[in-house]
PDB file of N, CA and C in Angstrom:
ATOM      1  N   ALA A   1     111.755-141.859-213.874  1.00  0.00           N
ATOM      2  CA  ALA A   1     110.546-142.404-213.278  1.00  0.00           C
ATOM      3  C   ALA A   1     109.486-142.684-214.339  1.00  0.00           C
ATOM      4  N   ALA A   2     109.867-142.737-215.606  1.00  0.00           N
ATOM      5  CA  ALA A   2     108.913-142.919-216.696  1.00  0.00           C
ATOM      6  C   ALA A   2     108.466-144.367-216.874  1.00  0.00           C
ATOM      7  N   GLY A   3     108.992-145.283-216.113  1.00  0.00           N
ATOM      8  CA  GLY A   3     108.575-146.680-216.229  1.00  0.00           C
ATOM      9  C   GLY A   3     109.702-147.640-215.925  1.00  0.00           C
ATOM     10  N   LYS A   4     109.385-148.907-216.009  1.00  0.00           N
ATOM     11  CA  LYS A   4     110.359-149.953-215.686  1.00  0.00           C
ATOM     12  C   LYS A   4     111.535-149.928-216.653  1.00  0.00           C
ATOM     13  N   VAL A   5     112.707-150.286-216.120  1.00  0.00           N
ATOM     14  CA  VAL A   5     113.937-150.325-216.888  1.00  0.00           C
ATOM     15  C   VAL A   5     114.470-151.748-216.853  1.00  0.00           C
ATOM     16  N   THR A   6     114.866-152.256-218.023  1.00  0.00           N
ATOM     17  CA  THR A   6     115.367-153.624-218.131  1.00  0.00           C
ATOM     18  C   THR A   6     116.834-153.615-218.533  1.00  0.00           C
ATOM     19  N   LYS A   7     117.614-154.485-217.906  1.00  0.00           N
ATOM     20  CA  LYS A   7     119.030-154.670-218.230  1.00  0.00           C
ATOM     21  C   LYS A   7     119.285-156.164-218.360  1.00  0.00           C
ATOM     22  N   GLU A   8     119.984-156.560-219.422  1.00  0.00           N
ATOM     23  CA  GLU A   8     120.319-157.964-219.610  1.00  0.00           C
ATOM     24  C   GLU A   8     121.802-158.186-219.359  1.00  0.00           C
ATOM     25  N   PHE A   9     122.108-159.294-218.716  1.00  0.00           N
ATOM     26  CA  PHE A   9     123.473-159.731-218.479  1.00  0.00           C
ATOM     27  C   PHE A   9     123.639-161.096-219.126  1.00  0.00           C
ATOM     28  N   THR A  10     124.841-161.397-219.572  1.00  0.00           N
ATOM     29  CA  THR A  10     125.164-162.731-220.055  1.00  0.00           C
ATOM     30  C   THR A  10     126.106-163.367-219.055  1.00  0.00           C
ATOM     31  N   LEU A  11     125.706-164.523-218.556  1.00  0.00           N
ATOM     32  CA  LEU A  11     126.533-165.284-217.622  1.00  0.00           C
ATOM     33  C   LEU A  11     127.196-166.390-218.420  1.00  0.00           C
ATOM     34  N   LYS A  12     128.514-166.357-218.545  1.00  0.00           N
ATOM     35  CA  LYS A  12     129.246-167.352-219.327  1.00  0.00           C
ATOM     36  C   LYS A  12     130.016-168.279-218.397  1.00  0.00           C
ATOM     37  N   ASN A  13     129.810-169.568-218.596  1.00  0.00           N
ATOM     38  CA  ASN A  13     130.542-170.578-217.840  1.00  0.00           C
ATOM     39  C   ASN A  13     131.873-170.800-218.544  1.00  0.00           C
ATOM     40  N   THR A  14     132.931-170.220-218.014  1.00  0.00           N
ATOM     41  CA  THR A  14     134.251-170.338-218.633  1.00  0.00           C
ATOM     42  C   THR A  14     135.029-171.544-218.120  1.00  0.00           C
ATOM     43  N   SER A  15     134.420-172.330-217.240  1.00  0.00           N
ATOM     44  CA  SER A  15     135.104-173.503-216.703  1.00  0.00           C
ATOM     45  C   SER A  15     134.954-174.690-217.660  1.00  0.00           C
ATOM     46  N   ALA A  16     135.646-175.762-217.331  1.00  0.00           N
ATOM     47  CA  ALA A  16     135.585-176.993-218.134  1.00  0.00           C
ATOM     48  C   ALA A  16     134.521-177.952-217.613  1.00  0.00           C
ATOM     49  N   SER A  17     133.759-177.528-216.604  1.00  0.00           N
ATOM     50  CA  SER A  17     132.735-178.410-216.039  1.00  0.00           C
ATOM     51  C   SER A  17     131.383-177.704-215.973  1.00  0.00           C
ATOM     52  N   MET A  18     130.368-178.487-215.682  1.00  0.00           N
ATOM     53  CA  MET A  18     129.001-177.982-215.589  1.00  0.00           C
ATOM     54  C   MET A  18     128.890-177.006-214.419  1.00  0.00           C
ATOM     55  N   LEU A  19     128.142-175.932-214.619  1.00  0.00           N
ATOM     56  CA  LEU A  19     127.836-174.952-213.575  1.00  0.00           C
ATOM     57  C   LEU A  19     126.344-175.056-213.311  1.00  0.00           C
ATOM     58  N   THR A  20     125.968-175.201-212.041  1.00  0.00           N
ATOM     59  CA  THR A  20     124.550-175.285-211.711  1.00  0.00           C
ATOM     60  C   THR A  20     124.152-174.077-210.875  1.00  0.00           C
ATOM     61  N   ILE A  21     123.248-173.268-211.444  1.00  0.00           N
ATOM     62  CA  ILE A  21     122.721-172.102-210.739  1.00  0.00           C
ATOM     63  C   ILE A  21     121.637-172.584-209.794  1.00  0.00           C
ATOM     64  N   LYS A  22     121.806-172.296-208.502  1.00  0.00           N
ATOM     65  CA  LYS A  22     120.855-172.748-207.486  1.00  0.00           C
ATOM     66  C   LYS A  22     119.734-171.744-207.261  1.00  0.00           C
ATOM     67  N   LYS A  23     120.089-170.464-207.070  1.00  0.00           N
ATOM     68  CA  LYS A  23     119.097-169.426-206.762  1.00  0.00           C
ATOM     69  C   LYS A  23     119.495-168.105-207.391  1.00  0.00           C
ATOM     70  N   LEU A  24     118.478-167.290-207.655  1.00  0.00           N
ATOM     71  CA  LEU A  24     118.661-165.911-208.087  1.00  0.00           C
ATOM     72  C   LEU A  24     117.762-165.044-207.229  1.00  0.00           C
ATOM     73  N   TYR A  25     118.278-163.909-206.764  1.00  0.00           N
ATOM     74  CA  TYR A  25     117.457-162.988-205.982  1.00  0.00           C
ATOM     75  C   TYR A  25     118.076-161.602-206.017  1.00  0.00           C
ATOM     76  N   THR A  26     117.332-160.615-205.516  1.00  0.00           N
ATOM     77  CA  THR A  26     117.749-159.218-205.605  1.00  0.00           C
ATOM     78  C   THR A  26     117.891-158.592-204.222  1.00  0.00           C
ATOM     79  N   SER A  27     118.449-157.378-204.204  1.00  0.00           N
ATOM     80  CA  SER A  27     118.674-156.677-202.939  1.00  0.00           C
ATOM     81  C   SER A  27     117.498-155.800-202.531  1.00  0.00           C
ATOM     82  N   CYS A  28     116.495-155.653-203.409  1.00  0.00           N
ATOM     83  CA  CYS A  28     115.374-154.776-203.100  1.00  0.00           C
ATOM     84  C   CYS A  28     114.124-155.273-203.813  1.00  0.00           C
ATOM     85  N   MET A  29     112.969-155.004-203.217  1.00  0.00           N
ATOM     86  CA  MET A  29     111.703-155.437-203.808  1.00  0.00           C
ATOM     87  C   MET A  29     111.376-154.686-205.103  1.00  0.00           C
ATOM     88  N   CYS A  30     112.051-153.580-205.372  1.00  0.00           N
ATOM     89  CA  CYS A  30     111.810-152.817-206.599  1.00  0.00           C
ATOM     90  C   CYS A  30     112.496-153.440-207.812  1.00  0.00           C
ATOM     91  N   THR A  31     113.256-154.496-207.586  1.00  0.00           N
ATOM     92  CA  THR A  31     114.041-155.124-208.632  1.00  0.00           C
ATOM     93  C   THR A  31     113.701-156.608-208.706  1.00  0.00           C
ATOM     94  N   SER A  32     113.589-157.140-209.922  1.00  0.00           N
ATOM     95  CA  SER A  32     113.353-158.567-210.105  1.00  0.00           C
ATOM     96  C   SER A  32     114.371-159.113-211.099  1.00  0.00           C
ATOM     97  N   VAL A  33     114.580-160.429-211.035  1.00  0.00           N
ATOM     98  CA  VAL A  33     115.550-161.079-211.916  1.00  0.00           C
ATOM     99  C   VAL A  33     114.922-162.344-212.496  1.00  0.00           C
ATOM    100  N   SER A  34     115.218-162.598-213.763  1.00  0.00           N
ATOM    101  CA  SER A  34     114.761-163.808-214.450  1.00  0.00           C
ATOM    102  C   SER A  34     115.948-164.436-215.160  1.00  0.00           C
ATOM    103  N   LEU A  35     115.874-165.746-215.334  1.00  0.00           N
ATOM    104  CA  LEU A  35     116.909-166.504-216.037  1.00  0.00           C
ATOM    105  C   LEU A  35     116.279-167.109-217.274  1.00  0.00           C
ATOM    106  N   PHE A  36     116.936-166.973-218.420  1.00  0.00           N
ATOM    107  CA  PHE A  36     116.419-167.523-219.661  1.00  0.00           C
ATOM    108  C   PHE A  36     117.258-168.699-220.104  1.00  0.00           C
ATOM    109  N   ASP A  37     116.562-169.770-220.449  1.00  0.00           N
ATOM    110  CA  ASP A  37     117.166-170.982-221.005  1.00  0.00           C
ATOM    111  C   ASP A  37     116.536-171.147-222.388  1.00  0.00           C
ATOM    112  N   GLY A  38     117.177-170.577-223.396  1.00  0.00           N
ATOM    113  CA  GLY A  38     116.552-170.544-224.714  1.00  0.00           C
ATOM    114  C   GLY A  38     115.314-169.668-224.648  1.00  0.00           C
ATOM    115  N   ASP A  39     114.162-170.233-224.981  1.00  0.00           N
ATOM    116  CA  ASP A  39     112.901-169.490-224.916  1.00  0.00           C
ATOM    117  C   ASP A  39     112.189-169.654-223.582  1.00  0.00           C
ATOM    118  N   ASN A  40     112.730-170.483-222.694  1.00  0.00           N
ATOM    119  CA  ASN A  40     112.107-170.720-221.384  1.00  0.00           C
ATOM    120  C   ASN A  40     112.587-169.693-220.373  1.00  0.00           C
ATOM    121  N   LYS A  41     111.624-169.111-219.668  1.00  0.00           N
ATOM    122  CA  LYS A  41     111.926-168.090-218.661  1.00  0.00           C
ATOM    123  C   LYS A  41     111.705-168.675-217.276  1.00  0.00           C
ATOM    124  N   LEU A  42     112.714-168.559-216.412  1.00  0.00           N
ATOM    125  CA  LEU A  42     112.602-168.952-215.007  1.00  0.00           C
ATOM    126  C   LEU A  42     112.546-167.673-214.198  1.00  0.00           C
ATOM    127  N   GLY A  43     111.456-167.461-213.486  1.00  0.00           N
ATOM    128  CA  GLY A  43     111.299-166.233-212.717  1.00  0.00           C
ATOM    129  C   GLY A  43     110.092-165.471-213.202  1.00  0.00           C
ATOM    130  N   PRO A  44     109.931-164.275-212.731  1.00  0.00           N
ATOM    131  CA  PRO A  44     110.907-163.449-212.032  1.00  0.00           C
ATOM    132  C   PRO A  44     111.015-163.791-210.543  1.00  0.00           C
ATOM    133  N   PHE A  45     112.207-163.511-210.016  1.00  0.00           N
ATOM    134  CA  PHE A  45     112.499-163.704-208.602  1.00  0.00           C
ATOM    135  C   PHE A  45     112.796-162.345-207.993  1.00  0.00           C
ATOM    136  N   GLY A  46     112.449-162.191-206.724  1.00  0.00           N
ATOM    137  CA  GLY A  46     112.613-160.908-206.054  1.00  0.00           C
ATOM    138  C   GLY A  46     113.621-160.946-204.932  1.00  0.00           C
ATOM    139  N   MET A  47     113.317-160.169-203.916  1.00  0.00           N
ATOM    140  CA  MET A  47     114.206-159.991-202.770  1.00  0.00           C
ATOM    141  C   MET A  47     114.077-161.157-201.796  1.00  0.00           C
ATOM    142  N   GLN A  48     115.224-161.693-201.402  1.00  0.00           N
ATOM    143  CA  GLN A  48     115.228-162.774-200.422  1.00  0.00           C
ATOM    144  C   GLN A  48     114.686-162.236-199.101  1.00  0.00           C
ATOM    145  N   GLY A  49     113.845-163.011-198.436  1.00  0.00           N
ATOM    146  CA  GLY A  49     113.239-162.596-197.191  1.00  0.00           C
ATOM    147  C   GLY A  49     111.888-161.925-197.376  1.00  0.00           C
ATOM    148  N   HIS A  50     111.519-161.653-198.633  1.00  0.00           N
ATOM    149  CA  HIS A  50     110.225-161.055-198.949  1.00  0.00           C
ATOM    150  C   HIS A  50     109.491-161.975-199.910  1.00  0.00           C
ATOM    151  N   GLY A  51     109.151-163.131-199.417  1.00  0.00           N
ATOM    152  CA  GLY A  51     108.505-164.138-200.256  1.00  0.00           C
ATOM    153  C   GLY A  51     109.448-165.294-200.497  1.00  0.00           C
ATOM    154  N   PHE A  52     108.902-166.336-201.018  1.00  0.00           N
ATOM    155  CA  PHE A  52     109.644-167.571-201.261  1.00  0.00           C
ATOM    156  C   PHE A  52     110.523-167.425-202.498  1.00  0.00           C
ATOM    157  N   ILE A  53     111.796-167.755-202.367  1.00  0.00           N
ATOM    158  CA  ILE A  53     112.722-167.784-203.502  1.00  0.00           C
ATOM    159  C   ILE A  53     113.022-169.256-203.785  1.00  0.00           C
ATOM    160  N   PRO A  54     112.475-169.798-204.860  1.00  0.00           N
ATOM    161  CA  PRO A  54     112.655-171.227-205.134  1.00  0.00           C
ATOM    162  C   PRO A  54     114.060-171.555-205.627  1.00  0.00           C
ATOM    163  N   THR A  55     114.418-172.804-205.488  1.00  0.00           N
ATOM    164  CA  THR A  55     115.657-173.311-206.051  1.00  0.00           C
ATOM    165  C   THR A  55     115.413-173.584-207.528  1.00  0.00           C
ATOM    166  N   VAL A  56     116.298-173.096-208.401  1.00  0.00           N
ATOM    167  CA  VAL A  56     116.099-173.293-209.838  1.00  0.00           C
ATOM    168  C   VAL A  56     116.909-174.457-210.386  1.00  0.00           C
ATOM    169  N   ASN A  57     118.103-174.707-209.827  1.00  0.00           N
ATOM    170  CA  ASN A  57     118.977-175.794-210.276  1.00  0.00           C
ATOM    171  C   ASN A  57     119.095-175.858-211.792  1.00  0.00           C
ATOM    172  N   LYS A  58     119.448-174.738-212.387  1.00  0.00           N
ATOM    173  CA  LYS A  58     119.632-174.650-213.836  1.00  0.00           C
ATOM    174  C   LYS A  58     121.091-174.896-214.186  1.00  0.00           C
ATOM    175  N   GLU A  59     121.315-175.875-215.055  1.00  0.00           N
ATOM    176  CA  GLU A  59     122.672-176.221-215.464  1.00  0.00           C
ATOM    177  C   GLU A  59     123.101-175.400-216.676  1.00  0.00           C
ATOM    178  N   VAL A  60     124.355-174.920-216.615  1.00  0.00           N
ATOM    179  CA  VAL A  60     124.965-174.208-217.725  1.00  0.00           C
ATOM    180  C   VAL A  60     126.228-174.984-218.080  1.00  0.00           C
ATOM    181  N   GLY A  61     126.247-175.551-219.267  1.00  0.00           N
ATOM    182  CA  GLY A  61     127.365-176.392-219.681  1.00  0.00           C
ATOM    183  C   GLY A  61     128.671-175.629-219.810  1.00  0.00           C
ATOM    184  N   ALA A  62     129.773-176.373-219.819  1.00  0.00           N
ATOM    185  CA  ALA A  62     131.098-175.781-219.989  1.00  0.00           C
ATOM    186  C   ALA A  62     131.149-175.000-221.293  1.00  0.00           C
ATOM    187  N   GLY A  63     131.607-173.746-221.222  1.00  0.00           N
ATOM    188  CA  GLY A  63     131.700-172.909-222.400  1.00  0.00           C
ATOM    189  C   GLY A  63     130.377-172.320-222.865  1.00  0.00           C
ATOM    190  N   LYS A  64     129.293-172.640-222.210  1.00  0.00           N
ATOM    191  CA  LYS A  64     127.960-172.142-222.588  1.00  0.00           C
ATOM    192  C   LYS A  64     127.617-170.896-221.780  1.00  0.00           C
ATOM    193  N   ASP A  65     126.515-170.252-222.158  1.00  0.00           N
ATOM    194  CA  ASP A  65     126.099-169.071-221.420  1.00  0.00           C
ATOM    195  C   ASP A  65     124.600-169.084-221.164  1.00  0.00           C
ATOM    196  N   ALA A  66     124.197-168.232-220.234  1.00  0.00           N
ATOM    197  CA  ALA A  66     122.793-168.062-219.867  1.00  0.00           C
ATOM    198  C   ALA A  66     122.504-166.570-219.841  1.00  0.00           C
ATOM    199  N   LYS A  67     121.259-166.226-220.148  1.00  0.00           N
ATOM    200  CA  LYS A  67     120.866-164.817-220.141  1.00  0.00           C
ATOM    201  C   LYS A  67     120.125-164.514-218.842  1.00  0.00           C
ATOM    202  N   ILE A  68     120.516-163.420-218.200  1.00  0.00           N
ATOM    203  CA  ILE A  68     119.878-162.953-216.974  1.00  0.00           C
ATOM    204  C   ILE A  68     119.255-161.599-217.280  1.00  0.00           C
ATOM    205  N   GLU A  69     117.968-161.467-216.959  1.00  0.00           N
ATOM    206  CA  GLU A  69     117.256-160.218-217.195  1.00  0.00           C
ATOM    207  C   GLU A  69     116.880-159.597-215.857  1.00  0.00           C
ATOM    208  N   VAL A  70     117.235-158.329-215.681  1.00  0.00           N
ATOM    209  CA  VAL A  70     116.933-157.587-214.462  1.00  0.00           C
ATOM    210  C   VAL A  70     115.943-156.482-214.819  1.00  0.00           C
ATOM    211  N   VAL A  71     114.884-156.349-214.007  1.00  0.00           N
ATOM    212  CA  VAL A  71     113.901-155.290-214.209  1.00  0.00           C
ATOM    213  C   VAL A  71     113.831-154.447-212.941  1.00  0.00           C
ATOM    214  N   PHE A  72     114.050-153.146-213.111  1.00  0.00           N
ATOM    215  CA  PHE A  72     113.968-152.186-212.008  1.00  0.00           C
ATOM    216  C   PHE A  72     112.716-151.344-212.208  1.00  0.00           C
ATOM    217  N   ASP A  73     111.901-151.230-211.150  1.00  0.00           N
ATOM    218  CA  ASP A  73     110.680-150.438-211.196  1.00  0.00           C
ATOM    219  C   ASP A  73     110.860-149.196-210.326  1.00  0.00           C
ATOM    220  N   PRO A  74     111.136-148.030-210.927  1.00  0.00           N
ATOM    221  CA  PRO A  74     111.364-146.826-210.130  1.00  0.00           C
ATOM    222  C   PRO A  74     110.132-146.355-209.362  1.00  0.00           C
ATOM    223  N   ALA A  75     108.946-146.780-209.770  1.00  0.00           N
ATOM    224  CA  ALA A  75     107.726-146.369-209.076  1.00  0.00           C
ATOM    225  C   ALA A  75     107.486-147.168-207.795  1.00  0.00           C
ATOM    226  N   ALA A  76     108.251-148.211-207.565  1.00  0.00           N
ATOM    227  CA  ALA A  76     108.032-149.075-206.404  1.00  0.00           C
ATOM    228  C   ALA A  76     108.215-148.348-205.075  1.00  0.00           C
ATOM    229  N   HIS A  77     109.018-147.299-205.068  1.00  0.00           N
ATOM    230  CA  HIS A  77     109.265-146.554-203.837  1.00  0.00           C
ATOM    231  C   HIS A  77     108.440-145.279-203.734  1.00  0.00           C
ATOM    232  N   GLY A  78     107.538-145.084-204.672  1.00  0.00           N
ATOM    233  CA  GLY A  78     106.680-143.896-204.630  1.00  0.00           C
ATOM    234  C   GLY A  78     107.433-142.638-205.003  1.00  0.00           C
ATOM    235  N   PRO A  79     106.827-141.485-204.767  1.00  0.00           N
ATOM    236  CA  PRO A  79     107.436-140.218-205.182  1.00  0.00           C
ATOM    237  C   PRO A  79     108.737-139.892-204.455  1.00  0.00           C
ATOM    238  N   SER A  80     108.976-140.503-203.313  1.00  0.00           N
ATOM    239  CA  SER A  80     110.218-140.218-202.584  1.00  0.00           C
ATOM    240  C   SER A  80     111.400-141.028-203.116  1.00  0.00           C
ATOM    241  N   GLY A  81     111.156-141.942-204.044  1.00  0.00           N
ATOM    242  CA  GLY A  81     112.215-142.815-204.554  1.00  0.00           C
ATOM    243  C   GLY A  81     112.973-142.226-205.723  1.00  0.00           C
ATOM    244  N   VAL A  82     113.452-141.004-205.568  1.00  0.00           N
ATOM    245  CA  VAL A  82     114.217-140.358-206.639  1.00  0.00           C
ATOM    246  C   VAL A  82     115.673-140.241-206.214  1.00  0.00           C
ATOM    247  N   GLY A  83     116.528-140.016-207.202  1.00  0.00           N
ATOM    248  CA  GLY A  83     117.957-139.888-206.938  1.00  0.00           C
ATOM    249  C   GLY A  83     118.703-141.127-207.394  1.00  0.00           C
ATOM    250  N   ARG A  84     119.949-141.204-206.993  1.00  0.00           N
ATOM    251  CA  ARG A  84     120.824-142.319-207.381  1.00  0.00           C
ATOM    252  C   ARG A  84     120.410-143.586-206.643  1.00  0.00           C
ATOM    253  N   ILE A  85     120.303-144.684-207.390  1.00  0.00           N
ATOM    254  CA  ILE A  85     120.026-145.989-206.782  1.00  0.00           C
ATOM    255  C   ILE A  85     121.094-146.986-207.235  1.00  0.00           C
ATOM    256  N   VAL A  86     121.392-147.920-206.373  1.00  0.00           N
ATOM    257  CA  VAL A  86     122.263-149.047-206.696  1.00  0.00           C
ATOM    258  C   VAL A  86     121.558-150.292-206.180  1.00  0.00           C
ATOM    259  N   ARG A  87     121.383-151.276-207.040  1.00  0.00           N
ATOM    260  CA  ARG A  87     120.740-152.534-206.660  1.00  0.00           C
ATOM    261  C   ARG A  87     121.637-153.695-207.059  1.00  0.00           C
ATOM    262  N   ASN A  88     121.610-154.741-206.247  1.00  0.00           N
ATOM    263  CA  ASN A  88     122.401-155.932-206.512  1.00  0.00           C
ATOM    264  C   ASN A  88     121.510-157.103-206.869  1.00  0.00           C
ATOM    265  N   ILE A  89     122.036-157.942-207.720  1.00  0.00           N
ATOM    266  CA  ILE A  89     121.384-159.178-208.124  1.00  0.00           C
ATOM    267  C   ILE A  89     122.361-160.291-207.773  1.00  0.00           C
ATOM    268  N   PHE A  90     121.871-161.303-207.094  1.00  0.00           N
ATOM    269  CA  PHE A  90     122.741-162.379-206.624  1.00  0.00           C
ATOM    270  C   PHE A  90     122.420-163.670-207.349  1.00  0.00           C
ATOM    271  N   VAL A  91     123.489-164.345-207.787  1.00  0.00           N
ATOM    272  CA  VAL A  91     123.385-165.642-208.448  1.00  0.00           C
ATOM    273  C   VAL A  91     124.177-166.614-207.597  1.00  0.00           C
ATOM    274  N   GLU A  92     123.483-167.587-206.991  1.00  0.00           N
ATOM    275  CA  GLU A  92     124.144-168.595-206.156  1.00  0.00           C
ATOM    276  C   GLU A  92     124.233-169.900-206.926  1.00  0.00           C
ATOM    277  N   THR A  93     125.369-170.588-206.789  1.00  0.00           N
ATOM    278  CA  THR A  93     125.539-171.888-207.412  1.00  0.00           C
ATOM    279  C   THR A  93     125.439-172.985-206.360  1.00  0.00           C
ATOM    280  N   VAL A  94     125.262-174.222-206.810  1.00  0.00           N
ATOM    281  CA  VAL A  94     125.107-175.333-205.869  1.00  0.00           C
ATOM    282  C   VAL A  94     126.369-175.595-205.069  1.00  0.00           C
ATOM    283  N   ASP A  95     127.521-175.141-205.553  1.00  0.00           N
ATOM    284  CA  ASP A  95     128.763-175.343-204.799  1.00  0.00           C
ATOM    285  C   ASP A  95     129.025-174.225-203.794  1.00  0.00           C
ATOM    286  N   GLY A  96     128.060-173.292-203.628  1.00  0.00           N
ATOM    287  CA  GLY A  96     128.173-172.252-202.613  1.00  0.00           C
ATOM    288  C   GLY A  96     128.748-170.943-203.093  1.00  0.00           C
ATOM    289  N   ALA A  97     129.169-170.863-204.352  1.00  0.00           N
ATOM    290  CA  ALA A  97     129.698-169.598-204.874  1.00  0.00           C
ATOM    291  C   ALA A  97     128.549-168.608-205.070  1.00  0.00           C
ATOM    292  N   LYS A  98     128.844-167.321-204.922  1.00  0.00           N
ATOM    293  CA  LYS A  98     127.834-166.278-205.108  1.00  0.00           C
ATOM    294  C   LYS A  98     128.413-165.175-205.988  1.00  0.00           C
ATOM    295  N   LEU A  99     127.723-164.906-207.083  1.00  0.00           N
ATOM    296  CA  LEU A  99     128.085-163.827-207.986  1.00  0.00           C
ATOM    297  C   LEU A  99     127.130-162.681-207.720  1.00  0.00           C
ATOM    298  N   SER A 100     127.671-161.466-207.650  1.00  0.00           N
ATOM    299  CA  SER A 100     126.846-160.285-207.447  1.00  0.00           C
ATOM    300  C   SER A 100     126.945-159.407-208.690  1.00  0.00           C
ATOM    301  N   LEU A 101     125.797-159.131-209.291  1.00  0.00           N
ATOM    302  CA  LEU A 101     125.698-158.201-210.403  1.00  0.00           C
ATOM    303  C   LEU A 101     125.134-156.902-209.853  1.00  0.00           C
ATOM    304  N   GLU A 102     125.418-155.780-210.484  1.00  0.00           N
ATOM    305  CA  GLU A 102     124.979-154.500-209.964  1.00  0.00           C
ATOM    306  C   GLU A 102     124.406-153.636-211.079  1.00  0.00           C
ATOM    307  N   ILE A 103     123.318-152.960-210.748  1.00  0.00           N
ATOM    308  CA  ILE A 103     122.767-151.933-211.639  1.00  0.00           C
ATOM    309  C   ILE A 103     122.774-150.622-210.880  1.00  0.00           C
ATOM    310  N   GLU A 104     122.927-149.552-211.626  1.00  0.00           N
ATOM    311  CA  GLU A 104     122.904-148.220-211.025  1.00  0.00           C
ATOM    312  C   GLU A 104     122.083-147.320-211.933  1.00  0.00           C
ATOM    313  N   ALA A 105     121.286-146.449-211.345  1.00  0.00           N
ATOM    314  CA  ALA A 105     120.448-145.539-212.126  1.00  0.00           C
ATOM    315  C   ALA A 105     120.255-144.229-211.371  1.00  0.00           C
ATOM    316  N   MET A 106     119.893-143.215-212.117  1.00  0.00           N
ATOM    317  CA  MET A 106     119.507-141.942-211.539  1.00  0.00           C
ATOM    318  C   MET A 106     118.017-141.782-211.832  1.00  0.00           C
ATOM    319  N   VAL A 107     117.184-141.867-210.795  1.00  0.00           N
ATOM    320  CA  VAL A 107     115.737-141.762-210.952  1.00  0.00           C
ATOM    321  C   VAL A 107     115.355-140.305-210.832  1.00  0.00           C
ATOM    322  N   THR A 108     114.684-139.799-211.857  1.00  0.00           N
ATOM    323  CA  THR A 108     114.236-138.406-211.861  1.00  0.00           C
ATOM    324  C   THR A 108     112.710-138.372-211.814  1.00  0.00           C
ATOM    325  N   PRO A 109     112.159-137.338-211.189  1.00  0.00           N
ATOM    326  CA  PRO A 109     110.699-137.249-211.105  1.00  0.00           C
ATOM    327  C   PRO A 109     110.051-136.990-212.464  1.00  0.00           C
TER     328      PRO A 109
END
């Protein structure tokens, strides 16, 4: 519970065609996700249904990768938010595919 925790993921397009990321969102308001395109940051985006989640339509070329940054705020749930947590981050593409990333932590007081 000493502060926000950041985890980075690399999303690699292993296909031979362009991949277009449509949306990014999380499973809880205590978690946010951002997409990096070089030095440009898209986001942060939060939980779907708790505010507007815009369409990003970010293209990732064949064989290229994108950086996804997840930030978890253990203080978001107050003093009762201790113990094991699991949060999901969802990446939707324009063709309807959905990738789920997961973080897990043990929050201590």
